[in-house]
PDB file of N, CA and C in Angstrom:
ATOM      1  N   MET A   1     116.082  61.093 114.264  1.00  0.00           N
ATOM      2  CA  MET A   1     116.906  59.830 114.480  1.00  0.00           C
ATOM      3  C   MET A   1     116.202  59.043 113.270  1.00  0.00           C
ATOM      4  N   ARG A   2     115.201  58.796 113.062  1.00  0.00           N
ATOM      5  CA  ARG A   2     114.684  58.110 111.726  1.00  0.00           C
ATOM      6  C   ARG A   2     115.222  58.577 110.652  1.00  0.00           C
ATOM      7  N   SER A   3     114.939  59.793 110.545  1.00  0.00           N
ATOM      8  CA  SER A   3     115.845  60.122 108.787  1.00  0.00           C
ATOM      9  C   SER A   3     117.069  60.030 108.923  1.00  0.00           C
ATOM     10  N   LEU A   4     117.884  60.042 110.050  1.00  0.00           N
ATOM     11  CA  LEU A   4     119.341  59.872 109.923  1.00  0.00           C
ATOM     12  C   LEU A   4     119.311  58.652 109.222  1.00  0.00           C
ATOM     13  N   LEU A   5     118.797  57.418 110.123  1.00  0.00           N
ATOM     14  CA  LEU A   5     119.009  56.038 109.403  1.00  0.00           C
ATOM     15  C   LEU A   5     118.486  55.873 108.243  1.00  0.00           C
ATOM     16  N   LEU A   6     117.643  56.754 107.776  1.00  0.00           N
ATOM     17  CA  LEU A   6     117.236  56.331 106.232  1.00  0.00           C
ATOM     18  C   LEU A   6     117.964  57.093 105.266  1.00  0.00           C
ATOM     19  N   VAL A   7     119.030  58.248 105.934  1.00  0.00           N
ATOM     20  CA  VAL A   7     120.074  58.820 104.922  1.00  0.00           C
ATOM     21  C   VAL A   7     120.912  57.548 104.925  1.00  0.00           C
ATOM     22  N   GLN A   8     121.508  57.152 106.014  1.00  0.00           N
ATOM     23  CA  GLN A   8     122.544  56.391 106.191  1.00  0.00           C
ATOM     24  C   GLN A   8     122.271  55.275 105.133  1.00  0.00           C
ATOM     25  N   GLY A   9     120.871  54.688 105.165  1.00  0.00           N
ATOM     26  CA  GLY A   9     120.628  53.592 104.446  1.00  0.00           C
ATOM     27  C   GLY A   9     120.990  54.024 103.000  1.00  0.00           C
ATOM     28  N   TRP A  10     120.330  55.131 102.692  1.00  0.00           N
ATOM     29  CA  TRP A  10     120.668  55.693 101.296  1.00  0.00           C
ATOM     30  C   TRP A  10     121.965  55.622 100.697  1.00  0.00           C
ATOM     31  N   ILE A  11     122.969  56.345 101.535  1.00  0.00           N
ATOM     32  CA  ILE A  11     124.361  56.289 101.536  1.00  0.00           C
ATOM     33  C   ILE A  11     125.086  55.118 101.250  1.00  0.00           C
ATOM     34  N   THR A  12     124.902  54.063 102.235  1.00  0.00           N
ATOM     35  CA  THR A  12     125.210  52.622 102.004  1.00  0.00           C
ATOM     36  C   THR A  12     124.674  51.925 100.828  1.00  0.00           C
ATOM     37  N   LEU A  13     123.465  52.076 100.316  1.00  0.00           N
ATOM     38  CA  LEU A  13     123.400  51.606  99.223  1.00  0.00           C
ATOM     39  C   LEU A  13     124.063  52.220  97.841  1.00  0.00           C
ATOM     40  N   LEU A  14     123.975  53.413  97.822  1.00  0.00           N
ATOM     41  CA  LEU A  14     125.036  54.072  96.818  1.00  0.00           C
ATOM     42  C   LEU A  14     126.284  53.656  96.617  1.00  0.00           C
ATOM     43  N   LEU A  15     127.060  53.630  97.862  1.00  0.00           N
ATOM     44  CA  LEU A  15     128.523  53.380  97.961  1.00  0.00           C
ATOM     45  C   LEU A  15     128.447  51.873  97.674  1.00  0.00           C
ATOM     46  N   SER A  16     127.679  50.652  97.943  1.00  0.00           N
ATOM     47  CA  SER A  16     127.608  49.636  97.649  1.00  0.00           C
ATOM     48  C   SER A  16     127.383  49.174  95.956  1.00  0.00           C
ATOM     49  N   ILE A  17     126.492  50.223  95.589  1.00  0.00           N
ATOM     50  CA  ILE A  17     126.242  50.177  94.014  1.00  0.00           C
ATOM     51  C   ILE A  17     127.877  50.641  93.313  1.00  0.00           C
ATOM     52  N   ALA A  18     128.126  51.853  93.800  1.00  0.00           N
ATOM     53  CA  ALA A  18     129.572  52.427  92.964  1.00  0.00           C
ATOM     54  C   ALA A  18     130.323  50.851  93.355  1.00  0.00           C
ATOM     55  N   ALA A  19     130.629  50.540  94.432  1.00  0.00           N
ATOM     56  CA  ALA A  19     131.828  49.423  94.534  1.00  0.00           C
ATOM     57  C   ALA A  19     131.431  48.294  93.601  1.00  0.00           C
ATOM     58  N   LEU A  20     130.447  47.871  93.515  1.00  0.00           N
ATOM     59  CA  LEU A  20     130.008  46.931  92.530  1.00  0.00           C
ATOM     60  C   LEU A  20     130.298  47.404  90.930  1.00  0.00           C
ATOM     61  N   GLY A  21     130.107  48.891  90.656  1.00  0.00           N
ATOM     62  CA  GLY A  21     130.657  49.238  89.375  1.00  0.00           C
ATOM     63  C   GLY A  21     132.070  48.861  89.248  1.00  0.00           C
ATOM     64  N   VAL A  22     132.704  49.281  90.335  1.00  0.00           N
ATOM     65  CA  VAL A  22     134.248  49.269  90.322  1.00  0.00           C
ATOM     66  C   VAL A  22     134.773  47.840  90.014  1.00  0.00           C
ATOM     67  N   GLU A  23     134.221  46.679  90.714  1.00  0.00           N
ATOM     68  CA  GLU A  23     134.102  45.333  90.554  1.00  0.00           C
ATOM     69  C   GLU A  23     134.038  44.947  89.253  1.00  0.00           C
ATOM     70  N   ALA A  24     132.889  45.418  88.602  1.00  0.00           N
ATOM     71  CA  ALA A  24     132.491  44.901  87.147  1.00  0.00           C
ATOM     72  C   ALA A  24     133.569  45.328  86.213  1.00  0.00           C
ATOM     73  N   PHE A  25     133.831  46.685  86.589  1.00  0.00           N
ATOM     74  CA  PHE A  25     135.083  47.050  85.733  1.00  0.00           C
ATOM     75  C   PHE A  25     136.277  46.513  85.664  1.00  0.00           C
ATOM     76  N   ALA A  26     136.826  46.105  86.801  1.00  0.00           N
ATOM     77  CA  ALA A  26     137.815  44.948  86.884  1.00  0.00           C
ATOM     78  C   ALA A  26     137.844  44.013  86.214  1.00  0.00           C
ATOM     79  N   LEU A  27     136.586  43.060  86.324  1.00  0.00           N
ATOM     80  CA  LEU A  27     136.400  41.804  85.585  1.00  0.00           C
ATOM     81  C   LEU A  27     136.384  42.243  84.154  1.00  0.00           C
ATOM     82  N   VAL A  28     135.623  43.213  83.584  1.00  0.00           N
ATOM     83  CA  VAL A  28     135.745  43.564  82.186  1.00  0.00           C
ATOM     84  C   VAL A  28     137.166  43.528  81.671  1.00  0.00           C
ATOM     85  N   ASP A  29     137.882  44.629  82.588  1.00  0.00           N
ATOM     86  CA  ASP A  29     139.242  44.638  81.794  1.00  0.00           C
ATOM     87  C   ASP A  29     139.948  43.455  81.751  1.00  0.00           C
ATOM     88  N   CYS A  30     140.036  42.649  82.766  1.00  0.00           N
ATOM     89  CA  CYS A  30     140.579  41.368  82.724  1.00  0.00           C
ATOM     90  C   CYS A  30     139.952  40.525  81.613  1.00  0.00           C
ATOM     91  N   LEU A  31     138.923  40.418  81.283  1.00  0.00           N
ATOM     92  CA  LEU A  31     138.196  39.618  80.337  1.00  0.00           C
ATOM     93  C   LEU A  31     139.118  40.062  78.895  1.00  0.00           C
ATOM     94  N   ARG A  32     139.199  41.471  78.768  1.00  0.00           N
ATOM     95  CA  ARG A  32     139.729  42.255  77.810  1.00  0.00           C
ATOM     96  C   ARG A  32     141.161  41.717  77.413  1.00  0.00           C
ATOM     97  N   ARG A  33     142.014  41.503  78.146  1.00  0.00           N
ATOM     98  CA  ARG A  33     143.522  41.237  78.465  1.00  0.00           C
ATOM     99  C   ARG A  33     143.750  39.781  77.557  1.00  0.00           C
ATOM    100  N   ARG A  34     145.098  39.796  76.854  1.00  0.00           N
ATOM    101  CA  ARG A  34     145.443  38.640  76.525  1.00  0.00           C
ATOM    102  C   ARG A  34     146.311  37.734  77.899  1.00  0.00           C
ATOM    103  N   PRO A  35     146.024  36.542  77.199  1.00  0.00           N
ATOM    104  CA  PRO A  35     146.580  35.629  78.503  1.00  0.00           C
ATOM    105  C   PRO A  35     148.031  35.730  78.730  1.00  0.00           C
ATOM    106  N   ASP A  36     148.854  35.640  77.569  1.00  0.00           N
ATOM    107  CA  ASP A  36     150.016  35.786  77.823  1.00  0.00           C
ATOM    108  C   ASP A  36     150.752  36.888  78.301  1.00  0.00           C
ATOM    109  N   ALA A  37     150.097  38.056  78.422  1.00  0.00           N
ATOM    110  CA  ALA A  37     150.296  39.495  79.187  1.00  0.00           C
ATOM    111  C   ALA A  37     150.557  39.251  80.675  1.00  0.00           C
ATOM    112  N   PHE A  38     149.440  38.188  81.170  1.00  0.00           N
ATOM    113  CA  PHE A  38     149.799  38.459  82.621  1.00  0.00           C
ATOM    114  C   PHE A  38     151.198  37.600  83.083  1.00  0.00           C
ATOM    115  N   THR A  39     151.421  36.398  82.364  1.00  0.00           N
ATOM    116  CA  THR A  39     152.697  35.781  82.719  1.00  0.00           C
ATOM    117  C   THR A  39     153.892  36.917  82.255  1.00  0.00           C
ATOM    118  N   ALA A  40     153.793  37.589  81.472  1.00  0.00           N
ATOM    119  CA  ALA A  40     154.685  38.520  80.918  1.00  0.00           C
ATOM    120  C   ALA A  40     155.151  39.838  81.456  1.00  0.00           C
ATOM    121  N   ALA A  41     153.952  39.874  82.548  1.00  0.00           N
ATOM    122  CA  ALA A  41     154.243  41.055  83.460  1.00  0.00           C
ATOM    123  C   ALA A  41     154.923  40.616  84.953  1.00  0.00           C
ATOM    124  N   GLY A  42     154.655  39.250  85.006  1.00  0.00           N
ATOM    125  CA  GLY A  42     155.210  38.624  86.170  1.00  0.00           C
ATOM    126  C   GLY A  42     154.068  38.615  87.088  1.00  0.00           C
ATOM    127  N   LYS A  43     152.799  38.499  86.746  1.00  0.00           N
ATOM    128  CA  LYS A  43     151.496  38.248  87.582  1.00  0.00           C
ATOM    129  C   LYS A  43     151.082  37.083  87.629  1.00  0.00           C
ATOM    130  N   ARG A  44     149.927  36.447  88.388  1.00  0.00           N
ATOM    131  CA  ARG A  44     149.502  35.298  88.046  1.00  0.00           C
ATOM    132  C   ARG A  44     148.739  35.091  86.813  1.00  0.00           C
ATOM    133  N   THR A  45     148.245  33.952  86.636  1.00  0.00           N
ATOM    134  CA  THR A  45     147.800  33.678  85.127  1.00  0.00           C
ATOM    135  C   THR A  45     146.243  34.642  85.103  1.00  0.00           C
ATOM    136  N   LYS A  46     145.652  34.855  84.001  1.00  0.00           N
ATOM    137  CA  LYS A  46     144.742  35.392  83.637  1.00  0.00           C
ATOM    138  C   LYS A  46     143.253  34.658  84.248  1.00  0.00           C
ATOM    139  N   THR A  47     143.503  33.174  84.109  1.00  0.00           N
ATOM    140  CA  THR A  47     142.393  32.706  84.895  1.00  0.00           C
ATOM    141  C   THR A  47     142.273  32.572  86.353  1.00  0.00           C
ATOM    142  N   PHE A  48     143.167  33.010  86.956  1.00  0.00           N
ATOM    143  CA  PHE A  48     143.400  33.174  88.429  1.00  0.00           C
ATOM    144  C   PHE A  48     142.642  34.800  88.593  1.00  0.00           C
ATOM    145  N   TRP A  49     143.108  35.957  87.874  1.00  0.00           N
ATOM    146  CA  TRP A  49     142.260  36.905  87.883  1.00  0.00           C
ATOM    147  C   TRP A  49     140.944  37.158  87.534  1.00  0.00           C
ATOM    148  N   LEU A  50     140.802  36.426  86.569  1.00  0.00           N
ATOM    149  CA  LEU A  50     139.240  36.074  86.377  1.00  0.00           C
ATOM    150  C   LEU A  50     138.470  35.726  87.254  1.00  0.00           C
ATOM    151  N   VAL A  51     139.129  34.523  88.162  1.00  0.00           N
ATOM    152  CA  VAL A  51     138.297  34.152  89.136  1.00  0.00           C
ATOM    153  C   VAL A  51     138.269  34.839  90.466  1.00  0.00           C
ATOM    154  N   VAL A  52     139.378  35.772  90.595  1.00  0.00           N
ATOM    155  CA  VAL A  52     139.179  36.933  91.443  1.00  0.00           C
ATOM    156  C   VAL A  52     138.314  37.918  91.405  1.00  0.00           C
ATOM    157  N   THR A  53     138.534  38.393  90.121  1.00  0.00           N
ATOM    158  CA  THR A  53     137.364  39.433  89.984  1.00  0.00           C
ATOM    159  C   THR A  53     135.925  39.113  89.723  1.00  0.00           C
ATOM    160  N   GLY A  54     135.726  38.031  89.123  1.00  0.00           N
ATOM    161  CA  GLY A  54     134.351  37.471  89.258  1.00  0.00           C
ATOM    162  C   GLY A  54     133.585  36.998  90.715  1.00  0.00           C
ATOM    163  N   VAL A  55     134.623  36.373  91.283  1.00  0.00           N
ATOM    164  CA  VAL A  55     133.924  36.426  92.643  1.00  0.00           C
ATOM    165  C   VAL A  55     133.916  37.849  93.486  1.00  0.00           C
ATOM    166  N   ALA A  56     134.704  38.721  92.971  1.00  0.00           N
ATOM    167  CA  ALA A  56     134.283  39.980  93.738  1.00  0.00           C
ATOM    168  C   ALA A  56     133.009  40.635  93.225  1.00  0.00           C
ATOM    169  N   VAL A  57     132.946  40.340  91.877  1.00  0.00           N
ATOM    170  CA  VAL A  57     131.497  41.127  91.551  1.00  0.00           C
ATOM    171  C   VAL A  57     130.472  40.068  92.201  1.00  0.00           C
ATOM    172  N   LEU A  58     130.264  38.772  92.384  1.00  0.00           N
ATOM    173  CA  LEU A  58     129.237  37.982  93.185  1.00  0.00           C
ATOM    174  C   LEU A  58     129.472  38.391  94.475  1.00  0.00           C
ATOM    175  N   LEU A  59     130.428  38.591  95.144  1.00  0.00           N
ATOM    176  CA  LEU A  59     130.341  39.110  96.555  1.00  0.00           C
ATOM    177  C   LEU A  59     129.841  40.599  96.574  1.00  0.00           C
ATOM    178  N   GLY A  60     130.050  41.331  95.795  1.00  0.00           N
ATOM    179  CA  GLY A  60     129.465  42.697  95.472  1.00  0.00           C
ATOM    180  C   GLY A  60     128.022  42.739  95.370  1.00  0.00           C
ATOM    181  N   ILE A  61     127.523  41.827  94.808  1.00  0.00           N
ATOM    182  CA  ILE A  61     125.984  41.524  94.562  1.00  0.00           C
ATOM    183  C   ILE A  61     125.445  41.461  95.877  1.00  0.00           C
ATOM    184  N   VAL A  62     126.000  40.463  96.526  1.00  0.00           N
ATOM    185  CA  VAL A  62     125.573  39.889  97.840  1.00  0.00           C
ATOM    186  C   VAL A  62     125.488  40.940  98.684  1.00  0.00           C
ATOM    187  N   ALA A  63     126.475  41.949  98.540  1.00  0.00           N
ATOM    188  CA  ALA A  63     126.637  42.901  99.795  1.00  0.00           C
ATOM    189  C   ALA A  63     125.863  44.214  99.465  1.00  0.00           C
ATOM    190  N   ILE A  64     125.103  44.253  98.216  1.00  0.00           N
ATOM    191  CA  ILE A  64     124.469  45.491  97.879  1.00  0.00           C
ATOM    192  C   ILE A  64     123.435  45.882  99.279  1.00  0.00           C
ATOM    193  N   GLY A  65     123.498  47.160  99.841  1.00  0.00           N
ATOM    194  CA  GLY A  65     122.814  47.683 100.679  1.00  0.00           C
ATOM    195  C   GLY A  65     123.134  47.563 101.968  1.00  0.00           C
ATOM    196  N   SER A  66     124.190  46.734 101.920  1.00  0.00           N
ATOM    197  CA  SER A  66     124.902  46.487 103.505  1.00  0.00           C
ATOM    198  C   SER A  66     126.310  46.740 103.670  1.00  0.00           C
ATOM    199  N   THR A  67     126.783  46.734 104.780  1.00  0.00           N
ATOM    200  CA  THR A  67     128.409  47.032 105.184  1.00  0.00           C
ATOM    201  C   THR A  67     128.655  45.879 105.457  1.00  0.00           C
ATOM    202  N   ARG A  68     128.684  44.518 104.801  1.00  0.00           N
ATOM    203  CA  ARG A  68     129.239  43.226 105.232  1.00  0.00           C
ATOM    204  C   ARG A  68     130.654  43.065 104.756  1.00  0.00           C
ATOM    205  N   LEU A  69     131.280  42.520 105.486  1.00  0.00           N
ATOM    206  CA  LEU A  69     132.788  42.035 105.442  1.00  0.00           C
ATOM    207  C   LEU A  69     132.855  41.598 104.006  1.00  0.00           C
ATOM    208  N   LEU A  70     131.885  40.769 103.276  1.00  0.00           N
ATOM    209  CA  LEU A  70     132.124  40.269 101.788  1.00  0.00           C
ATOM    210  C   LEU A  70     132.472  41.583 100.962  1.00  0.00           C
ATOM    211  N   GLY A  71     131.329  42.539 101.198  1.00  0.00           N
ATOM    212  CA  GLY A  71     131.560  43.645 100.392  1.00  0.00           C
ATOM    213  C   GLY A  71     133.140  44.468 100.439  1.00  0.00           C
ATOM    214  N   VAL A  72     133.661  44.414 101.401  1.00  0.00           N
ATOM    215  CA  VAL A  72     134.889  44.831 101.887  1.00  0.00           C
ATOM    216  C   VAL A  72     135.833  44.181 100.836  1.00  0.00           C
ATOM    217  N   ILE A  73     135.799  42.763 101.182  1.00  0.00           N
ATOM    218  CA  ILE A  73     136.757  41.720 100.617  1.00  0.00           C
ATOM    219  C   ILE A  73     136.582  41.892  99.115  1.00  0.00           C
ATOM    220  N   ALA A  74     135.284  42.073  98.474  1.00  0.00           N
ATOM    221  CA  ALA A  74     135.130  42.106  96.947  1.00  0.00           C
ATOM    222  C   ALA A  74     135.794  43.730  96.581  1.00  0.00           C
ATOM    223  N   ILE A  75     135.524  44.861  97.300  1.00  0.00           N
ATOM    224  CA  ILE A  75     136.454  45.886  96.683  1.00  0.00           C
ATOM    225  C   ILE A  75     137.701  45.951  96.940  1.00  0.00           C
ATOM    226  N   ILE A  76     138.396  45.123  97.628  1.00  0.00           N
ATOM    227  CA  ILE A  76     139.697  45.157  98.168  1.00  0.00           C
ATOM    228  C   ILE A  76     140.445  44.392  96.567  1.00  0.00           C
ATOM    229  N   ALA A  77     139.795  43.133  96.412  1.00  0.00           N
ATOM    230  CA  ALA A  77     140.006  42.344  95.423  1.00  0.00           C
ATOM    231  C   ALA A  77     140.133  42.879  94.094  1.00  0.00           C
ATOM    232  N   ALA A  78     138.866  43.725  93.707  1.00  0.00           N
ATOM    233  CA  ALA A  78     139.174  44.370  92.591  1.00  0.00           C
ATOM    234  C   ALA A  78     140.418  45.604  92.814  1.00  0.00           C
ATOM    235  N   GLY A  79     140.474  46.109  93.629  1.00  0.00           N
ATOM    236  CA  GLY A  79     141.207  47.338  93.924  1.00  0.00           C
ATOM    237  C   GLY A  79     142.902  46.776  93.662  1.00  0.00           C
ATOM    238  N   VAL A  80     142.884  45.901  94.063  1.00  0.00           N
ATOM    239  CA  VAL A  80     144.205  45.083  94.186  1.00  0.00           C
ATOM    240  C   VAL A  80     144.513  44.785  92.520  1.00  0.00           C
ATOM    241  N   TYR A  81     143.706  44.307  91.779  1.00  0.00           N
ATOM    242  CA  TYR A  81     143.812  44.189  90.314  1.00  0.00           C
ATOM    243  C   TYR A  81     143.984  45.297  89.793  1.00  0.00           C
ATOM    244  N   LEU A  82     143.065  46.658  89.928  1.00  0.00           N
ATOM    245  CA  LEU A  82     143.092  47.698  89.271  1.00  0.00           C
ATOM    246  C   LEU A  82     144.510  48.622  89.482  1.00  0.00           C
ATOM    247  N   ALA A  83     144.964  48.350  90.784  1.00  0.00           N
ATOM    248  CA  ALA A  83     146.182  49.039  91.103  1.00  0.00           C
ATOM    249  C   ALA A  83     147.438  48.619  90.908  1.00  0.00           C
ATOM    250  N   ASP A  84     147.692  47.195  90.759  1.00  0.00           N
ATOM    251  CA  ASP A  84     148.726  46.335  90.469  1.00  0.00           C
ATOM    252  C   ASP A  84     148.849  45.681  89.299  1.00  0.00           C
ATOM    253  N   VAL A  85     148.041  45.124  88.771  1.00  0.00           N
ATOM    254  CA  VAL A  85     147.837  44.125  87.518  1.00  0.00           C
ATOM    255  C   VAL A  85     147.593  44.727  86.375  1.00  0.00           C
ATOM    256  N   LYS A  86     146.469  45.725  86.685  1.00  0.00           N
ATOM    257  CA  LYS A  86     146.047  46.689  85.154  1.00  0.00           C
ATOM    258  C   LYS A  86     147.509  47.462  84.855  1.00  0.00           C
ATOM    259  N   PRO A  87     148.034  48.243  85.752  1.00  0.00           N
ATOM    260  CA  PRO A  87     149.445  49.056  85.162  1.00  0.00           C
ATOM    261  C   PRO A  87     150.303  47.984  84.850  1.00  0.00           C
ATOM    262  N   ALA A  88     150.663  47.004  85.435  1.00  0.00           N
ATOM    263  CA  ALA A  88     151.582  45.867  84.764  1.00  0.00           C
ATOM    264  C   ALA A  88     151.345  45.610  83.496  1.00  0.00           C
ATOM    265  N   LEU A  89     150.152  45.251  83.472  1.00  0.00           N
ATOM    266  CA  LEU A  89     149.787  44.693  81.977  1.00  0.00           C
ATOM    267  C   LEU A  89     149.587  45.673  80.940  1.00  0.00           C
ATOM    268  N   GLU A  90     149.525  47.109  81.146  1.00  0.00           N
ATOM    269  CA  GLU A  90     149.770  48.067  80.344  1.00  0.00           C
ATOM    270  C   GLU A  90     151.135  48.270  79.886  1.00  0.00           C
ATOM    271  N   GLN A  91     152.062  48.188  80.999  1.00  0.00           N
ATOM    272  CA  GLN A  91     153.199  48.257  80.721  1.00  0.00           C
ATOM    273  C   GLN A  91     153.937  47.302  79.675  1.00  0.00           C
ATOM    274  N   VAL A  92     153.339  46.166  79.901  1.00  0.00           N
ATOM    275  CA  VAL A  92     153.880  44.931  79.194  1.00  0.00           C
ATOM    276  C   VAL A  92     153.235  45.083  77.797  1.00  0.00           C
ATOM    277  N   MET A  93     152.074  45.697  77.678  1.00  0.00           N
ATOM    278  CA  MET A  93     151.350  45.670  76.420  1.00  0.00           C
ATOM    279  C   MET A  93     151.656  46.954  75.675  1.00  0.00           C
ATOM    280  N   GLY A  94     152.644  47.927  76.242  1.00  0.00           N
ATOM    281  CA  GLY A  94     153.092  49.036  75.538  1.00  0.00           C
ATOM    282  C   GLY A  94     152.268  50.297  75.690  1.00  0.00           C
ATOM    283  N   ARG A  95     151.353  50.227  76.503  1.00  0.00           N
ATOM    284  CA  ARG A  95     150.311  51.313  76.569  1.00  0.00           C
ATOM    285  C   ARG A  95     150.719  52.119  77.592  1.00  0.00           C
ATOM    286  N   GLY A  96     151.525  51.517  78.551  1.00  0.00           N
ATOM    287  CA  GLY A  96     152.068  52.546  79.649  1.00  0.00           C
ATOM    288  C   GLY A  96     153.318  52.798  79.271  1.00  0.00           C
ATOM    289  N   SER A  97     153.989  54.141  79.867  1.00  0.00           N
ATOM    290  CA  SER A  97     155.273  54.628  79.815  1.00  0.00           C
ATOM    291  C   SER A  97     155.880  54.512  81.125  1.00  0.00           C
ATOM    292  N   GLY A  98     157.039  54.114  81.230  1.00  0.00           N
ATOM    293  CA  GLY A  98     157.772  54.508  82.735  1.00  0.00           C
ATOM    294  C   GLY A  98     157.997  55.956  82.866  1.00  0.00           C
ATOM    295  N   ARG A  99     158.010  56.501  81.737  1.00  0.00           N
ATOM    296  CA  ARG A  99     158.312  58.417  81.968  1.00  0.00           C
ATOM    297  C   ARG A  99     157.059  58.991  81.679  1.00  0.00           C
ATOM    298  N   SER A 100     155.805  58.672  82.432  1.00  0.00           N
ATOM    299  CA  SER A 100     154.601  59.346  81.974  1.00  0.00           C
ATOM    300  C   SER A 100     154.368  60.189  82.998  1.00  0.00           C
ATOM    301  N   GLY A 101     153.655  61.568  82.805  1.00  0.00           N
ATOM    302  CA  GLY A 101     153.276  62.370  84.102  1.00  0.00           C
ATOM    303  C   GLY A 101     152.089  62.388  83.979  1.00  0.00           C
ATOM    304  N   PRO A 102     151.098  63.233  84.953  1.00  0.00           N
ATOM    305  CA  PRO A 102     149.606  62.739  85.048  1.00  0.00           C
ATOM    306  C   PRO A 102     148.779  63.181  83.710  1.00  0.00           C
ATOM    307  N   TYR A 103     149.360  64.020  82.543  1.00  0.00           N
ATOM    308  CA  TYR A 103     148.858  64.557  81.398  1.00  0.00           C
ATOM    309  C   TYR A 103     149.297  63.681  80.211  1.00  0.00           C
ATOM    310  N   GLY A 104     150.310  62.575  80.500  1.00  0.00           N
ATOM    311  CA  GLY A 104     150.899  61.794  79.272  1.00  0.00           C
ATOM    312  C   GLY A 104     152.426  62.031  79.091  1.00  0.00           C
ATOM    313  N   PRO A 105     152.774  61.031  78.421  1.00  0.00           N
ATOM    314  CA  PRO A 105     154.352  60.937  78.493  1.00  0.00           C
ATOM    315  C   PRO A 105     155.168  62.130  78.527  1.00  0.00           C
ATOM    316  N   TRP A 106     156.154  62.447  78.970  1.00  0.00           N
ATOM    317  CA  TRP A 106     157.143  63.729  78.853  1.00  0.00           C
ATOM    318  C   TRP A 106     158.587  63.306  78.474  1.00  0.00           C
TER     319      TRP A 106
END
């Protein structure tokens, strides 16, 4: 039983570190984008998303090694940015194509 708890602890630690990496990636991506692209894409301002992803990184740091609700909130915030905002920004900036397959445009 003790070894199972040890394995669970290691898995939780690895997953929380991976989540922190995703949150940091979202923050860095947000930092690299032009402010006008956010409004052109119909999303909130760059400042708003910097605050959201920055707080997600801070919450991710606090949640390392545990399954706290704060860690779940942090990964959801970063996921929303990466799944919704980032593709819209790429579309506006000309990097994305509406006619794109899994291996590039077609």
